[in-house]
Amino acid sequence: MKRSKCIETIYPELHDKLVVTIMGACAQELYDLGHCENFFYLQHAMGLASSIGLGLALNLPNEKVVVMDGDGSVLMNLGTLTTIARYQPANLIHIIFDNGSLLSTGGFASHTTSGVTDLAAIARGAGIKNVAAVSTPMDFVGAAADAFEGNELSVIVAKVEAVGPDHFGMDLKLPENAFRFERYIKEHQNRKF
């Protein structure tokens, strides 16, 4: 299963949610589908997308927050799973694309390639109840639909191929993206009241 196809499948569902991606391939693949002001690509901050997503979910409880993460980033910041489990924000969906590789930093094998490290088991062990481990497109679509429709903290660990985009580069730099993302949140919140 390809990460890019997974992202493409859920892309239409992301237009009314706050979306935070980790750096590298995941960010590039979402950007290439078409940037929206509610997308924040966390460039140059490996491991922190889940922390930012948690902060958004806790401070904006009426907004669905989707974090698109990678196995290397989650392994770099495993403590975030325990913090997410402690607070259980019902509006947070954490999608972890596990390609068994640190693709964005050279393609080195991650610990999940050993067959010993299981991110879904770690999430459950941290105390997250709604965890789906998927490896087929149909299972991914089903888990994502359940998460989008539900009102419960959800983690989806999707086993994907270690294949990235054929190019990297966005016209949107991090400071401008952060400013526009913040402005989107403020304007969106004003429209709700």
Foldseek 3Di string as FASTA:
>chain_A
DAPLVLCVVCVVVPQQAQEEEEDDQNVQSSVVVPDDLSYAYHHPDQQCQLVVQLVCCVVPVVGAYEYEHEPVSCVVCVVSLLVCLVVWRLRYEYEYEYQQFPLRPPTHGDPVVVVPDDVQVSSVVSRFDAEAEEEDSVSSVVQVVCSSPGRTYHYYYYYHHSDGDPDDDDPDDNVNSVVSNVVVVVVVVVVVD
